[in-house]
Amino acid sequence: MEPKEQVLKAMKSKAVPMSAGEIEAATGLDKKLVEKAMKILKQEEAIYSPVRCKWQAK
């Protein structure tokens, strides 16, 4: 599974906004991989930020 898919799956499993650190802990991925995946997901508009520094799947 690609890091992007793992990040999105972790976000969908929790119904609350998550920070990059929380996603890193949930997936076990390196923080840089999490940030790259989040950047791609932001461009695809698959995630949004309801509060500062936290992200949630649409």
PDB file of N, CA and C in Angstrom:
ATOM      1  N   MET A   1       0.850  -1.174   0.000  1.00  0.00           N
ATOM      2  CA  MET A   1       0.000   0.000   0.000  1.00  0.00           C
ATOM      3  C   MET A   1       0.903   1.247   0.000  1.00  0.00           C
ATOM      4  N   GLU A   2       0.559   2.211  -0.807  1.00  0.00           N
ATOM      5  CA  GLU A   2       1.325   3.452  -0.891  1.00  0.00           C
ATOM      6  C   GLU A   2       1.124   4.292   0.372  1.00  0.00           C
ATOM      7  N   PRO A   3       2.117   5.137   0.700  1.00  0.00           N
ATOM      8  CA  PRO A   3       1.963   6.006   1.875  1.00  0.00           C
ATOM      9  C   PRO A   3       0.710   6.879   1.804  1.00  0.00           C
ATOM     10  N   LYS A   4       0.383   7.360   0.604  1.00  0.00           N
ATOM     11  CA  LYS A   4      -0.804   8.211   0.436  1.00  0.00           C
ATOM     12  C   LYS A   4      -2.062   7.460   0.859  1.00  0.00           C
ATOM     13  N   GLU A   5      -2.156   6.199   0.454  1.00  0.00           N
ATOM     14  CA  GLU A   5      -3.325   5.383   0.801  1.00  0.00           C
ATOM     15  C   GLU A   5      -3.368   5.094   2.300  1.00  0.00           C
ATOM     16  N   GLN A   6      -2.193   4.848   2.894  1.00  0.00           N
ATOM     17  CA  GLN A   6      -2.129   4.577   4.329  1.00  0.00           C
ATOM     18  C   GLN A   6      -2.569   5.796   5.138  1.00  0.00           C
ATOM     19  N   VAL A   7      -2.115   6.979   4.710  1.00  0.00           N
ATOM     20  CA  VAL A   7      -2.481   8.213   5.407  1.00  0.00           C
ATOM     21  C   VAL A   7      -3.983   8.442   5.315  1.00  0.00           C
ATOM     22  N   LEU A   8      -4.543   8.290   4.122  1.00  0.00           N
ATOM     23  CA  LEU A   8      -5.979   8.503   3.939  1.00  0.00           C
ATOM     24  C   LEU A   8      -6.793   7.489   4.747  1.00  0.00           C
ATOM     25  N   LYS A   9      -6.339   6.242   4.785  1.00  0.00           N
ATOM     26  CA  LYS A   9      -7.032   5.202   5.553  1.00  0.00           C
ATOM     27  C   LYS A   9      -7.011   5.535   7.051  1.00  0.00           C
ATOM     28  N   ALA A  10      -5.868   6.008   7.542  1.00  0.00           N
ATOM     29  CA  ALA A  10      -5.755   6.377   8.958  1.00  0.00           C
ATOM     30  C   ALA A  10      -6.679   7.541   9.286  1.00  0.00           C
ATOM     31  N   MET A  11      -6.772   8.507   8.365  1.00  0.00           N
ATOM     32  CA  MET A  11      -7.648   9.665   8.591  1.00  0.00           C
ATOM     33  C   MET A  11      -9.113   9.259   8.580  1.00  0.00           C
ATOM     34  N   LYS A  12      -9.469   8.349   7.691  1.00  0.00           N
ATOM     35  CA  LYS A  12     -10.867   7.912   7.611  1.00  0.00           C
ATOM     36  C   LYS A  12     -11.255   7.055   8.810  1.00  0.00           C
ATOM     37  N   SER A  13     -10.282   6.334   9.388  1.00  0.00           N
ATOM     38  CA  SER A  13     -10.588   5.473  10.527  1.00  0.00           C
ATOM     39  C   SER A  13     -10.923   6.289  11.777  1.00  0.00           C
ATOM     40  N   LYS A  14     -10.379   7.501  11.856  1.00  0.00           N
ATOM     41  CA  LYS A  14     -10.711   8.405  12.967  1.00  0.00           C
ATOM     42  C   LYS A  14     -11.603   9.496  12.419  1.00  0.00           C
ATOM     43  N   ALA A  15     -12.611   9.846  13.134  1.00  0.00           N
ATOM     44  CA  ALA A  15     -13.566  10.858  12.667  1.00  0.00           C
ATOM     45  C   ALA A  15     -13.206  12.253  13.164  1.00  0.00           C
ATOM     46  N   VAL A  16     -12.000  12.405  13.703  1.00  0.00           N
ATOM     47  CA  VAL A  16     -11.563  13.703  14.218  1.00  0.00           C
ATOM     48  C   VAL A  16     -10.363  14.195  13.417  1.00  0.00           C
ATOM     49  N   PRO A  17     -10.147  15.506  13.344  1.00  0.00           N
ATOM     50  CA  PRO A  17      -8.973  16.040  12.655  1.00  0.00           C
ATOM     51  C   PRO A  17      -7.684  15.553  13.322  1.00  0.00           C
ATOM     52  N   MET A  18      -6.675  15.243  12.506  1.00  0.00           N
ATOM     53  CA  MET A  18      -5.413  14.702  13.010  1.00  0.00           C
ATOM     54  C   MET A  18      -4.239  15.558  12.552  1.00  0.00           C
ATOM     55  N   SER A  19      -3.213  15.633  13.391  1.00  0.00           N
ATOM     56  CA  SER A  19      -1.980  16.326  13.019  1.00  0.00           C
ATOM     57  C   SER A  19      -1.058  15.324  12.320  1.00  0.00           C
ATOM     58  N   ALA A  20       0.007  15.823  11.715  1.00  0.00           N
ATOM     59  CA  ALA A  20       0.963  14.949  11.031  1.00  0.00           C
ATOM     60  C   ALA A  20       1.588  13.958  12.012  1.00  0.00           C
ATOM     61  N   GLY A  21       1.851  14.399  13.233  1.00  0.00           N
ATOM     62  CA  GLY A  21       2.424  13.519  14.250  1.00  0.00           C
ATOM     63  C   GLY A  21       1.488  12.384  14.636  1.00  0.00           C
ATOM     64  N   GLU A  22       0.208  12.679  14.734  1.00  0.00           N
ATOM     65  CA  GLU A  22      -0.781  11.645  15.064  1.00  0.00           C
ATOM     66  C   GLU A  22      -0.900  10.636  13.920  1.00  0.00           C
ATOM     67  N   ILE A  23      -0.840  11.126  12.692  1.00  0.00           N
ATOM     68  CA  ILE A  23      -0.913  10.234  11.529  1.00  0.00           C
ATOM     69  C   ILE A  23       0.336   9.366  11.473  1.00  0.00           C
ATOM     70  N   GLU A  24       1.482   9.966  11.785  1.00  0.00           N
ATOM     71  CA  GLU A  24       2.742   9.222  11.813  1.00  0.00           C
ATOM     72  C   GLU A  24       2.662   8.073  12.820  1.00  0.00           C
ATOM     73  N   ALA A  25       2.127   8.346  13.998  1.00  0.00           N
ATOM     74  CA  ALA A  25       1.993   7.321  15.033  1.00  0.00           C
ATOM     75  C   ALA A  25       1.005   6.234  14.621  1.00  0.00           C
ATOM     76  N   ALA A  26      -0.076   6.620  13.954  1.00  0.00           N
ATOM     77  CA  ALA A  26      -1.108   5.657  13.559  1.00  0.00           C
ATOM     78  C   ALA A  26      -0.653   4.751  12.416  1.00  0.00           C
ATOM     79  N   THR A  27       0.171   5.288  11.507  1.00  0.00           N
ATOM     80  CA  THR A  27       0.583   4.512  10.334  1.00  0.00           C
ATOM     81  C   THR A  27       1.943   3.858  10.492  1.00  0.00           C
ATOM     82  N   GLY A  28       2.803   4.425  11.339  1.00  0.00           N
ATOM     83  CA  GLY A  28       4.158   3.909  11.487  1.00  0.00           C
ATOM     84  C   GLY A  28       5.094   4.384  10.386  1.00  0.00           C
ATOM     85  N   LEU A  29       4.634   5.318   9.567  1.00  0.00           N
ATOM     86  CA  LEU A  29       5.455   5.865   8.491  1.00  0.00           C
ATOM     87  C   LEU A  29       6.345   6.984   9.018  1.00  0.00           C
ATOM     88  N   ASP A  30       7.425   7.273   8.275  1.00  0.00           N
ATOM     89  CA  ASP A  30       8.299   8.391   8.593  1.00  0.00           C
ATOM     90  C   ASP A  30       7.535   9.701   8.394  1.00  0.00           C
ATOM     91  N   LYS A  31       7.846  10.717   9.195  1.00  0.00           N
ATOM     92  CA  LYS A  31       7.113  11.984   9.129  1.00  0.00           C
ATOM     93  C   LYS A  31       7.230  12.636   7.752  1.00  0.00           C
ATOM     94  N   LYS A  32       8.387  12.505   7.094  1.00  0.00           N
ATOM     95  CA  LYS A  32       8.553  13.101   5.760  1.00  0.00           C
ATOM     96  C   LYS A  32       7.633  12.431   4.746  1.00  0.00           C
ATOM     97  N   LEU A  33       7.465  11.115   4.845  1.00  0.00           N
ATOM     98  CA  LEU A  33       6.544  10.403   3.952  1.00  0.00           C
ATOM     99  C   LEU A  33       5.108  10.839   4.207  1.00  0.00           C
ATOM    100  N   VAL A  34       4.769  11.027   5.467  1.00  0.00           N
ATOM    101  CA  VAL A  34       3.418  11.479   5.827  1.00  0.00           C
ATOM    102  C   VAL A  34       3.163  12.863   5.240  1.00  0.00           C
ATOM    103  N   GLU A  35       4.133  13.763   5.371  1.00  0.00           N
ATOM    104  CA  GLU A  35       3.967  15.126   4.853  1.00  0.00           C
ATOM    105  C   GLU A  35       3.850  15.142   3.332  1.00  0.00           C
ATOM    106  N   LYS A  36       4.643  14.300   2.639  1.00  0.00           N
ATOM    107  CA  LYS A  36       4.542  14.210   1.175  1.00  0.00           C
ATOM    108  C   LYS A  36       3.165  13.697   0.766  1.00  0.00           C
ATOM    109  N   ALA A  37       2.695  12.660   1.457  1.00  0.00           N
ATOM    110  CA  ALA A  37       1.382  12.089   1.148  1.00  0.00           C
ATOM    111  C   ALA A  37       0.281  13.111   1.401  1.00  0.00           C
ATOM    112  N   MET A  38       0.396  13.866   2.486  1.00  0.00           N
ATOM    113  CA  MET A  38      -0.611  14.882   2.797  1.00  0.00           C
ATOM    114  C   MET A  38      -0.615  15.984   1.743  1.00  0.00           C
ATOM    115  N   LYS A  39       0.553  16.343   1.242  1.00  0.00           N
ATOM    116  CA  LYS A  39       0.634  17.370   0.196  1.00  0.00           C
ATOM    117  C   LYS A  39      -0.111  16.911  -1.055  1.00  0.00           C
ATOM    118  N   ILE A  40       0.080  15.650  -1.433  1.00  0.00           N
ATOM    119  CA  ILE A  40      -0.611  15.093  -2.605  1.00  0.00           C
ATOM    120  C   ILE A  40      -2.116  15.052  -2.362  1.00  0.00           C
ATOM    121  N   LEU A  41      -2.521  14.609  -1.175  1.00  0.00           N
ATOM    122  CA  LEU A  41      -3.943  14.525  -0.843  1.00  0.00           C
ATOM    123  C   LEU A  41      -4.597  15.905  -0.817  1.00  0.00           C
ATOM    124  N   LYS A  42      -3.849  16.930  -0.384  1.00  0.00           N
ATOM    125  CA  LYS A  42      -4.377  18.305  -0.398  1.00  0.00           C
ATOM    126  C   LYS A  42      -4.632  18.749  -1.832  1.00  0.00           C
ATOM    127  N   GLN A  43      -3.682  18.440  -2.739  1.00  0.00           N
ATOM    128  CA  GLN A  43      -3.829  18.821  -4.143  1.00  0.00           C
ATOM    129  C   GLN A  43      -5.011  18.108  -4.787  1.00  0.00           C
ATOM    130  N   GLU A  44      -5.241  16.868  -4.385  1.00  0.00           N
ATOM    131  CA  GLU A  44      -6.363  16.086  -4.917  1.00  0.00           C
ATOM    132  C   GLU A  44      -7.679  16.449  -4.224  1.00  0.00           C
ATOM    133  N   GLU A  45      -7.605  17.315  -3.222  1.00  0.00           N
ATOM    134  CA  GLU A  45      -8.758  17.738  -2.429  1.00  0.00           C
ATOM    135  C   GLU A  45      -9.451  16.564  -1.733  1.00  0.00           C
ATOM    136  N   ALA A  46      -8.647  15.591  -1.296  1.00  0.00           N
ATOM    137  CA  ALA A  46      -9.177  14.444  -0.569  1.00  0.00           C
ATOM    138  C   ALA A  46      -9.217  14.714   0.935  1.00  0.00           C
ATOM    139  N   ILE A  47      -8.449  15.730   1.376  1.00  0.00           N
ATOM    140  CA  ILE A  47      -8.442  16.106   2.786  1.00  0.00           C
ATOM    141  C   ILE A  47      -8.631  17.617   2.898  1.00  0.00           C
ATOM    142  N   TYR A  48      -9.068  18.059   4.079  1.00  0.00           N
ATOM    143  CA  TYR A  48      -9.232  19.491   4.330  1.00  0.00           C
ATOM    144  C   TYR A  48      -8.827  19.786   5.771  1.00  0.00           C
ATOM    145  N   SER A  49      -8.635  21.059   6.062  1.00  0.00           N
ATOM    146  CA  SER A  49      -8.201  21.483   7.384  1.00  0.00           C
ATOM    147  C   SER A  49      -9.319  22.251   8.088  1.00  0.00           C
ATOM    148  N   PRO A  50     -10.055  21.600   9.001  1.00  0.00           N
ATOM    149  CA  PRO A  50     -11.115  22.295   9.730  1.00  0.00           C
ATOM    150  C   PRO A  50     -10.561  23.230  10.812  1.00  0.00           C
ATOM    151  N   VAL A  51      -9.375  22.912  11.335  1.00  0.00           N
ATOM    152  CA  VAL A  51      -8.694  23.750  12.323  1.00  0.00           C
ATOM    153  C   VAL A  51      -7.211  23.811  11.972  1.00  0.00           C
ATOM    154  N   ARG A  52      -6.546  24.808  12.493  1.00  0.00           N
ATOM    155  CA  ARG A  52      -5.143  25.021  12.169  1.00  0.00           C
ATOM    156  C   ARG A  52      -4.281  23.807  12.540  1.00  0.00           C
ATOM    157  N   CYS A  53      -3.442  23.385  11.600  1.00  0.00           N
ATOM    158  CA  CYS A  53      -2.465  22.300  11.777  1.00  0.00           C
ATOM    159  C   CYS A  53      -3.099  20.916  11.964  1.00  0.00           C
ATOM    160  N   LYS A  54      -4.355  20.771  11.684  1.00  0.00           N
ATOM    161  CA  LYS A  54      -5.031  19.469  11.770  1.00  0.00           C
ATOM    162  C   LYS A  54      -5.731  19.217  10.447  1.00  0.00           C
ATOM    163  N   TRP A  55      -5.769  17.965  10.036  1.00  0.00           N
ATOM    164  CA  TRP A  55      -6.362  17.598   8.752  1.00  0.00           C
ATOM    165  C   TRP A  55      -7.353  16.463   8.937  1.00  0.00           C
ATOM    166  N   GLN A  56      -8.329  16.426   8.036  1.00  0.00           N
ATOM    167  CA  GLN A  56      -9.376  15.409   8.104  1.00  0.00           C
ATOM    168  C   GLN A  56      -9.755  14.998   6.691  1.00  0.00           C
ATOM    169  N   ALA A  57     -10.097  13.723   6.512  1.00  0.00           N
ATOM    170  CA  ALA A  57     -10.549  13.226   5.209  1.00  0.00           C
ATOM    171  C   ALA A  57     -11.938  13.764   4.913  1.00  0.00           C
ATOM    172  N   LYS A  58     -12.188  14.028   3.634  1.00  0.00           N
ATOM    173  CA  LYS A  58     -13.514  14.522   3.230  1.00  0.00           C
ATOM    174  C   LYS A  58     -14.494  13.384   3.181  1.00  0.00           C
TER     175      LYS A  58
END
